[in-house]
């Protein structure tokens, strides 16, 4: 049976920067690496909200990207 071991986490925040020429919402993405793999979804969301509160653009989507090492 294979096991997975957390290696790293990244917090990505998309900010709504306006509209494209076709009228779709334009986004700018910021990524924050070296996030503790033990951090909960709630902790990451509150962190993203705190970061967004000092930005010029409103927060769009918040994403967590986890990387695992698989050991067999």
PDB file of N, CA and C in Angstrom:
ATOM      1  N   UNK A   1       0.837  -1.178   0.000  1.00  0.00           N
ATOM      2  CA  UNK A   1       0.000   0.000   0.000  1.00  0.00           C
ATOM      3  C   UNK A   1       0.885   1.244   0.000  1.00  0.00           C
ATOM      4  N   UNK A   2       0.543   2.195  -0.839  1.00  0.00           N
ATOM      5  CA  UNK A   2       1.319   3.435  -0.947  1.00  0.00           C
ATOM      6  C   UNK A   2       0.876   4.433   0.112  1.00  0.00           C
ATOM      7  N   UNK A   3       1.810   5.217   0.568  1.00  0.00           N
ATOM      8  CA  UNK A   3       1.531   6.289   1.528  1.00  0.00           C
ATOM      9  C   UNK A   3       1.943   7.613   0.916  1.00  0.00           C
ATOM     10  N   UNK A   4       1.276   8.662   1.332  1.00  0.00           N
ATOM     11  CA  UNK A   4       1.660   9.998   0.869  1.00  0.00           C
ATOM     12  C   UNK A   4       2.130  10.832   2.047  1.00  0.00           C
ATOM     13  N   UNK A   5       3.207  11.568   1.793  1.00  0.00           N
ATOM     14  CA  UNK A   5       3.802  12.436   2.814  1.00  0.00           C
ATOM     15  C   UNK A   5       3.761  13.862   2.276  1.00  0.00           C
ATOM     16  N   UNK A   6       3.174  14.800   3.044  1.00  0.00           N
ATOM     17  CA  UNK A   6       3.124  16.188   2.570  1.00  0.00           C
ATOM     18  C   UNK A   6       4.528  16.768   2.411  1.00  0.00           C
ATOM     19  N   UNK A   7       4.753  17.410   1.278  1.00  0.00           N
ATOM     20  CA  UNK A   7       6.056  18.012   0.993  1.00  0.00           C
ATOM     21  C   UNK A   7       5.979  19.536   1.106  1.00  0.00           C
ATOM     22  N   UNK A   8       4.971  20.126   0.457  1.00  0.00           N
ATOM     23  CA  UNK A   8       4.853  21.585   0.484  1.00  0.00           C
ATOM     24  C   UNK A   8       3.427  22.015   0.183  1.00  0.00           C
ATOM     25  N   UNK A   9       3.120  23.261   0.534  1.00  0.00           N
ATOM     26  CA  UNK A   9       1.832  23.873   0.223  1.00  0.00           C
ATOM     27  C   UNK A   9       2.076  25.269  -0.322  1.00  0.00           C
ATOM     28  N   UNK A  10       1.213  25.675  -1.232  1.00  0.00           N
ATOM     29  CA  UNK A  10       1.261  27.006  -1.810  1.00  0.00           C
ATOM     30  C   UNK A  10      -0.126  27.626  -1.702  1.00  0.00           C
ATOM     31  N   UNK A  11      -0.180  28.887  -1.307  1.00  0.00           N
ATOM     32  CA  UNK A  11      -1.427  29.639  -1.244  1.00  0.00           C
ATOM     33  C   UNK A  11      -1.465  30.554  -2.459  1.00  0.00           C
ATOM     34  N   UNK A  12      -2.522  30.425  -3.268  1.00  0.00           N
ATOM     35  CA  UNK A  12      -2.678  31.277  -4.449  1.00  0.00           C
ATOM     36  C   UNK A  12      -3.915  32.149  -4.273  1.00  0.00           C
ATOM     37  N   UNK A  13      -3.761  33.428  -4.544  1.00  0.00           N
ATOM     38  CA  UNK A  13      -4.872  34.373  -4.458  1.00  0.00           C
ATOM     39  C   UNK A  13      -5.001  35.075  -5.805  1.00  0.00           C
ATOM     40  N   UNK A  14      -6.196  35.005  -6.382  1.00  0.00           N
ATOM     41  CA  UNK A  14      -6.487  35.717  -7.619  1.00  0.00           C
ATOM     42  C   UNK A  14      -7.200  37.018  -7.265  1.00  0.00           C
ATOM     43  N   UNK A  15      -6.703  38.121  -7.807  1.00  0.00           N
ATOM     44  CA  UNK A  15      -7.306  39.426  -7.586  1.00  0.00           C
ATOM     45  C   UNK A  15      -7.978  39.888  -8.877  1.00  0.00           C
ATOM     46  N   UNK A  16      -9.183  40.437  -8.754  1.00  0.00           N
ATOM     47  CA  UNK A  16      -9.927  40.941  -9.907  1.00  0.00           C
ATOM     48  C   UNK A  16      -9.395  42.333 -10.249  1.00  0.00           C
ATOM     49  N   UNK A  17      -8.762  42.440 -11.425  1.00  0.00           N
ATOM     50  CA  UNK A  17      -8.102  43.698 -11.797  1.00  0.00           C
ATOM     51  C   UNK A  17      -8.881  44.522 -12.810  1.00  0.00           C
ATOM     52  N   UNK A  18     -10.045  44.062 -13.227  1.00  0.00           N
ATOM     53  CA  UNK A  18     -10.831  44.804 -14.210  1.00  0.00           C
ATOM     54  C   UNK A  18     -11.442  43.871 -15.226  1.00  0.00           C
ATOM     55  N   UNK A  19     -11.631  44.395 -16.434  1.00  0.00           N
ATOM     56  CA  UNK A  19     -12.231  43.614 -17.510  1.00  0.00           C
ATOM     57  C   UNK A  19     -11.295  43.536 -18.705  1.00  0.00           C
ATOM     58  N   UNK A  20     -11.373  42.411 -19.423  1.00  0.00           N
ATOM     59  CA  UNK A  20     -10.618  42.263 -20.665  1.00  0.00           C
ATOM     60  C   UNK A  20     -11.354  42.992 -21.774  1.00  0.00           C
ATOM     61  N   UNK A  21     -10.770  43.010 -22.961  1.00  0.00           N
ATOM     62  CA  UNK A  21     -11.410  43.652 -24.115  1.00  0.00           C
ATOM     63  C   UNK A  21     -12.724  42.975 -24.477  1.00  0.00           C
ATOM     64  N   UNK A  22     -12.854  41.687 -24.153  1.00  0.00           N
ATOM     65  CA  UNK A  22     -14.075  40.937 -24.462  1.00  0.00           C
ATOM     66  C   UNK A  22     -15.106  40.995 -23.339  1.00  0.00           C
ATOM     67  N   UNK A  23     -14.789  41.721 -22.275  1.00  0.00           N
ATOM     68  CA  UNK A  23     -15.733  41.885 -21.184  1.00  0.00           C
ATOM     69  C   UNK A  23     -15.627  40.854 -20.070  1.00  0.00           C
ATOM     70  N   UNK A  24     -14.664  39.941 -20.152  1.00  0.00           N
ATOM     71  CA  UNK A  24     -14.458  38.950 -19.092  1.00  0.00           C
ATOM     72  C   UNK A  24     -13.649  39.579 -17.960  1.00  0.00           C
ATOM     73  N   UNK A  25     -13.796  39.028 -16.773  1.00  0.00           N
ATOM     74  CA  UNK A  25     -13.046  39.544 -15.626  1.00  0.00           C
ATOM     75  C   UNK A  25     -11.568  39.183 -15.791  1.00  0.00           C
ATOM     76  N   UNK A  26     -10.703  40.169 -15.588  1.00  0.00           N
ATOM     77  CA  UNK A  26      -9.252  39.953 -15.647  1.00  0.00           C
ATOM     78  C   UNK A  26      -8.745  39.717 -14.230  1.00  0.00           C
ATOM     79  N   UNK A  27      -7.810  38.785 -14.120  1.00  0.00           N
ATOM     80  CA  UNK A  27      -7.259  38.430 -12.813  1.00  0.00           C
ATOM     81  C   UNK A  27      -5.750  38.594 -12.798  1.00  0.00           C
ATOM     82  N   UNK A  28      -5.227  38.881 -11.621  1.00  0.00           N
ATOM     83  CA  UNK A  28      -3.788  38.846 -11.388  1.00  0.00           C
ATOM     84  C   UNK A  28      -3.575  37.901 -10.215  1.00  0.00           C
ATOM     85  N   UNK A  29      -2.678  36.953 -10.364  1.00  0.00           N
ATOM     86  CA  UNK A  29      -2.468  35.920  -9.352  1.00  0.00           C
ATOM     87  C   UNK A  29      -1.202  36.189  -8.557  1.00  0.00           C
ATOM     88  N   UNK A  30      -1.324  36.016  -7.245  1.00  0.00           N
ATOM     89  CA  UNK A  30      -0.182  36.064  -6.335  1.00  0.00           C
ATOM     90  C   UNK A  30      -0.059  34.698  -5.677  1.00  0.00           C
ATOM     91  N   UNK A  31       1.150  34.183  -5.624  1.00  0.00           N
ATOM     92  CA  UNK A  31       1.401  32.884  -5.004  1.00  0.00           C
ATOM     93  C   UNK A  31       2.337  33.054  -3.818  1.00  0.00           C
ATOM     94  N   UNK A  32       2.027  32.357  -2.744  1.00  0.00           N
ATOM     95  CA  UNK A  32       2.830  32.392  -1.525  1.00  0.00           C
ATOM     96  C   UNK A  32       3.264  30.970  -1.209  1.00  0.00           C
ATOM     97  N   UNK A  33       4.570  30.739  -1.252  1.00  0.00           N
ATOM     98  CA  UNK A  33       5.105  29.399  -1.018  1.00  0.00           C
ATOM     99  C   UNK A  33       5.537  29.250   0.436  1.00  0.00           C
ATOM    100  N   UNK A  34       6.013  28.077   0.764  1.00  0.00           N
ATOM    101  CA  UNK A  34       6.478  27.748   2.113  1.00  0.00           C
ATOM    102  C   UNK A  34       5.377  27.874   3.166  1.00  0.00           C
ATOM    103  N   UNK A  35       4.157  27.554   2.755  1.00  0.00           N
ATOM    104  CA  UNK A  35       3.023  27.519   3.673  1.00  0.00           C
ATOM    105  C   UNK A  35       3.113  26.221   4.470  1.00  0.00           C
ATOM    106  N   UNK A  36       2.835  26.281   5.748  1.00  0.00           N
ATOM    107  CA  UNK A  36       2.871  25.068   6.564  1.00  0.00           C
ATOM    108  C   UNK A  36       1.842  24.069   6.047  1.00  0.00           C
ATOM    109  N   UNK A  37       2.275  22.837   5.857  1.00  0.00           N
ATOM    110  CA  UNK A  37       1.366  21.811   5.350  1.00  0.00           C
ATOM    111  C   UNK A  37       0.282  21.475   6.363  1.00  0.00           C
ATOM    112  N   UNK A  38       0.485  21.812   7.631  1.00  0.00           N
ATOM    113  CA  UNK A  38      -0.496  21.537   8.679  1.00  0.00           C
ATOM    114  C   UNK A  38      -1.583  22.609   8.760  1.00  0.00           C
ATOM    115  N   UNK A  39      -1.438  23.698   8.029  1.00  0.00           N
ATOM    116  CA  UNK A  39      -2.401  24.798   8.102  1.00  0.00           C
ATOM    117  C   UNK A  39      -3.769  24.325   7.632  1.00  0.00           C
ATOM    118  N   UNK A  40      -4.797  24.763   8.343  1.00  0.00           N
ATOM    119  CA  UNK A  40      -6.165  24.382   7.980  1.00  0.00           C
ATOM    120  C   UNK A  40      -6.690  25.295   6.876  1.00  0.00           C
ATOM    121  N   UNK A  41      -7.775  24.871   6.249  1.00  0.00           N
ATOM    122  CA  UNK A  41      -8.406  25.683   5.209  1.00  0.00           C
ATOM    123  C   UNK A  41      -8.864  27.023   5.779  1.00  0.00           C
ATOM    124  N   UNK A  42      -9.400  27.006   6.982  1.00  0.00           N
ATOM    125  CA  UNK A  42      -9.864  28.236   7.616  1.00  0.00           C
ATOM    126  C   UNK A  42      -8.709  29.197   7.868  1.00  0.00           C
ATOM    127  N   UNK A  43      -7.583  28.688   8.356  1.00  0.00           N
ATOM    128  CA  UNK A  43      -6.415  29.536   8.593  1.00  0.00           C
ATOM    129  C   UNK A  43      -5.917  30.168   7.301  1.00  0.00           C
ATOM    130  N   UNK A  44      -5.876  29.378   6.230  1.00  0.00           N
ATOM    131  CA  UNK A  44      -5.407  29.908   4.947  1.00  0.00           C
ATOM    132  C   UNK A  44      -6.363  30.950   4.385  1.00  0.00           C
ATOM    133  N   UNK A  45      -7.665  30.714   4.544  1.00  0.00           N
ATOM    134  CA  UNK A  45      -8.629  31.688   4.029  1.00  0.00           C
ATOM    135  C   UNK A  45      -8.522  33.005   4.784  1.00  0.00           C
ATOM    136  N   UNK A  46      -8.392  32.946   6.113  1.00  0.00           N
ATOM    137  CA  UNK A  46      -8.244  34.175   6.891  1.00  0.00           C
ATOM    138  C   UNK A  46      -6.943  34.890   6.545  1.00  0.00           C
ATOM    139  N   UNK A  47      -5.896  34.141   6.270  1.00  0.00           N
ATOM    140  CA  UNK A  47      -4.630  34.735   5.843  1.00  0.00           C
ATOM    141  C   UNK A  47      -4.801  35.439   4.503  1.00  0.00           C
ATOM    142  N   UNK A  48      -5.483  34.778   3.569  1.00  0.00           N
ATOM    143  CA  UNK A  48      -5.733  35.381   2.255  1.00  0.00           C
ATOM    144  C   UNK A  48      -6.557  36.661   2.396  1.00  0.00           C
ATOM    145  N   UNK A  49      -7.554  36.630   3.264  1.00  0.00           N
ATOM    146  CA  UNK A  49      -8.389  37.815   3.478  1.00  0.00           C
ATOM    147  C   UNK A  49      -7.560  38.964   4.067  1.00  0.00           C
ATOM    148  N   UNK A  50      -6.645  38.647   4.973  1.00  0.00           N
ATOM    149  CA  UNK A  50      -5.782  39.678   5.557  1.00  0.00           C
ATOM    150  C   UNK A  50      -4.862  40.277   4.497  1.00  0.00           C
ATOM    151  N   UNK A  51      -4.318  39.433   3.634  1.00  0.00           N
ATOM    152  CA  UNK A  51      -3.459  39.920   2.547  1.00  0.00           C
ATOM    153  C   UNK A  51      -4.275  40.786   1.599  1.00  0.00           C
ATOM    154  N   UNK A  52      -5.478  40.332   1.266  1.00  0.00           N
ATOM    155  CA  UNK A  52      -6.333  41.075   0.333  1.00  0.00           C
ATOM    156  C   UNK A  52      -6.745  42.433   0.888  1.00  0.00           C
ATOM    157  N   UNK A  53      -6.823  42.546   2.208  1.00  0.00           N
ATOM    158  CA  UNK A  53      -7.268  43.807   2.802  1.00  0.00           C
ATOM    159  C   UNK A  53      -6.278  44.949   2.578  1.00  0.00           C
ATOM    160  N   UNK A  54      -5.041  44.642   2.225  1.00  0.00           N
ATOM    161  CA  UNK A  54      -4.043  45.687   1.983  1.00  0.00           C
ATOM    162  C   UNK A  54      -3.668  45.788   0.498  1.00  0.00           C
ATOM    163  N   UNK A  55      -4.480  45.176  -0.358  1.00  0.00           N
ATOM    164  CA  UNK A  55      -4.237  45.219  -1.798  1.00  0.00           C
ATOM    165  C   UNK A  55      -5.141  46.259  -2.454  1.00  0.00           C
ATOM    166  N   UNK A  56      -4.804  46.629  -3.675  1.00  0.00           N
ATOM    167  CA  UNK A  56      -5.592  47.601  -4.428  1.00  0.00           C
ATOM    168  C   UNK A  56      -6.797  46.981  -5.115  1.00  0.00           C
ATOM    169  N   UNK A  57      -6.791  45.669  -5.306  1.00  0.00           N
ATOM    170  CA  UNK A  57      -7.849  44.987  -6.040  1.00  0.00           C
ATOM    171  C   UNK A  57      -8.597  44.018  -5.125  1.00  0.00           C
ATOM    172  N   UNK A  58      -9.868  43.758  -5.430  1.00  0.00           N
ATOM    173  CA  UNK A  58     -10.633  42.813  -4.607  1.00  0.00           C
ATOM    174  C   UNK A  58     -10.181  41.373  -4.840  1.00  0.00           C
ATOM    175  N   UNK A  59     -10.323  40.571  -3.791  1.00  0.00           N
ATOM    176  CA  UNK A  59      -9.938  39.164  -3.851  1.00  0.00           C
ATOM    177  C   UNK A  59     -10.966  38.395  -4.664  1.00  0.00           C
ATOM    178  N   UNK A  60     -10.466  37.554  -5.543  1.00  0.00           N
ATOM    179  CA  UNK A  60     -11.325  36.656  -6.303  1.00  0.00           C
ATOM    180  C   UNK A  60     -11.275  35.277  -5.680  1.00  0.00           C
ATOM    181  N   UNK A  61     -10.586  34.380  -6.323  1.00  0.00           N
ATOM    182  CA  UNK A  61     -10.501  32.995  -5.855  1.00  0.00           C
ATOM    183  C   UNK A  61      -9.261  32.782  -4.989  1.00  0.00           C
ATOM    184  N   UNK A  62      -9.421  31.926  -3.971  1.00  0.00           N
ATOM    185  CA  UNK A  62      -8.314  31.514  -3.113  1.00  0.00           C
ATOM    186  C   UNK A  62      -8.121  30.017  -3.322  1.00  0.00           C
ATOM    187  N   UNK A  63      -6.885  29.607  -3.606  1.00  0.00           N
ATOM    188  CA  UNK A  63      -6.597  28.211  -3.905  1.00  0.00           C
ATOM    189  C   UNK A  63      -5.409  27.732  -3.080  1.00  0.00           C
ATOM    190  N   UNK A  64      -5.512  26.486  -2.630  1.00  0.00           N
ATOM    191  CA  UNK A  64      -4.387  25.830  -1.942  1.00  0.00           C
ATOM    192  C   UNK A  64      -3.874  24.725  -2.862  1.00  0.00           C
ATOM    193  N   UNK A  65      -2.570  24.702  -3.083  1.00  0.00           N
ATOM    194  CA  UNK A  65      -1.946  23.671  -3.898  1.00  0.00           C
ATOM    195  C   UNK A  65      -0.995  22.886  -3.011  1.00  0.00           C
ATOM    196  N   UNK A  66      -1.304  21.606  -2.801  1.00  0.00           N
ATOM    197  CA  UNK A  66      -0.466  20.736  -1.970  1.00  0.00           C
ATOM    198  C   UNK A  66       0.328  19.788  -2.837  1.00  0.00           C
ATOM    199  N   UNK A  67       1.564  19.539  -2.445  1.00  0.00           N
ATOM    200  CA  UNK A  67       2.424  18.591  -3.122  1.00  0.00           C
ATOM    201  C   UNK A  67       2.779  17.474  -2.126  1.00  0.00           C
ATOM    202  N   UNK A  68       2.661  16.241  -2.605  1.00  0.00           N
ATOM    203  CA  UNK A  68       2.939  15.077  -1.766  1.00  0.00           C
ATOM    204  C   UNK A  68       4.004  14.215  -2.404  1.00  0.00           C
ATOM    205  N   UNK A  69       4.738  13.510  -1.555  1.00  0.00           N
ATOM    206  CA  UNK A  69       5.667  12.495  -2.002  1.00  0.00           C
ATOM    207  C   UNK A  69       4.984  11.151  -1.762  1.00  0.00           C
ATOM    208  N   UNK A  70       4.968  10.295  -2.761  1.00  0.00           N
ATOM    209  CA  UNK A  70       4.342   8.983  -2.633  1.00  0.00           C
ATOM    210  C   UNK A  70       5.407   7.933  -2.372  1.00  0.00           C
ATOM    211  N   UNK A  71       5.184   7.142  -1.326  1.00  0.00           N
ATOM    212  CA  UNK A  71       6.124   6.108  -0.933  1.00  0.00           C
ATOM    213  C   UNK A  71       5.387   4.774  -0.947  1.00  0.00           C
ATOM    214  N   UNK A  72       6.000   3.804  -1.603  1.00  0.00           N
ATOM    215  CA  UNK A  72       5.333   2.512  -1.757  1.00  0.00           C
ATOM    216  C   UNK A  72       5.787   1.454  -0.820  1.00  0.00           C
TER     217      UNK A  72
END
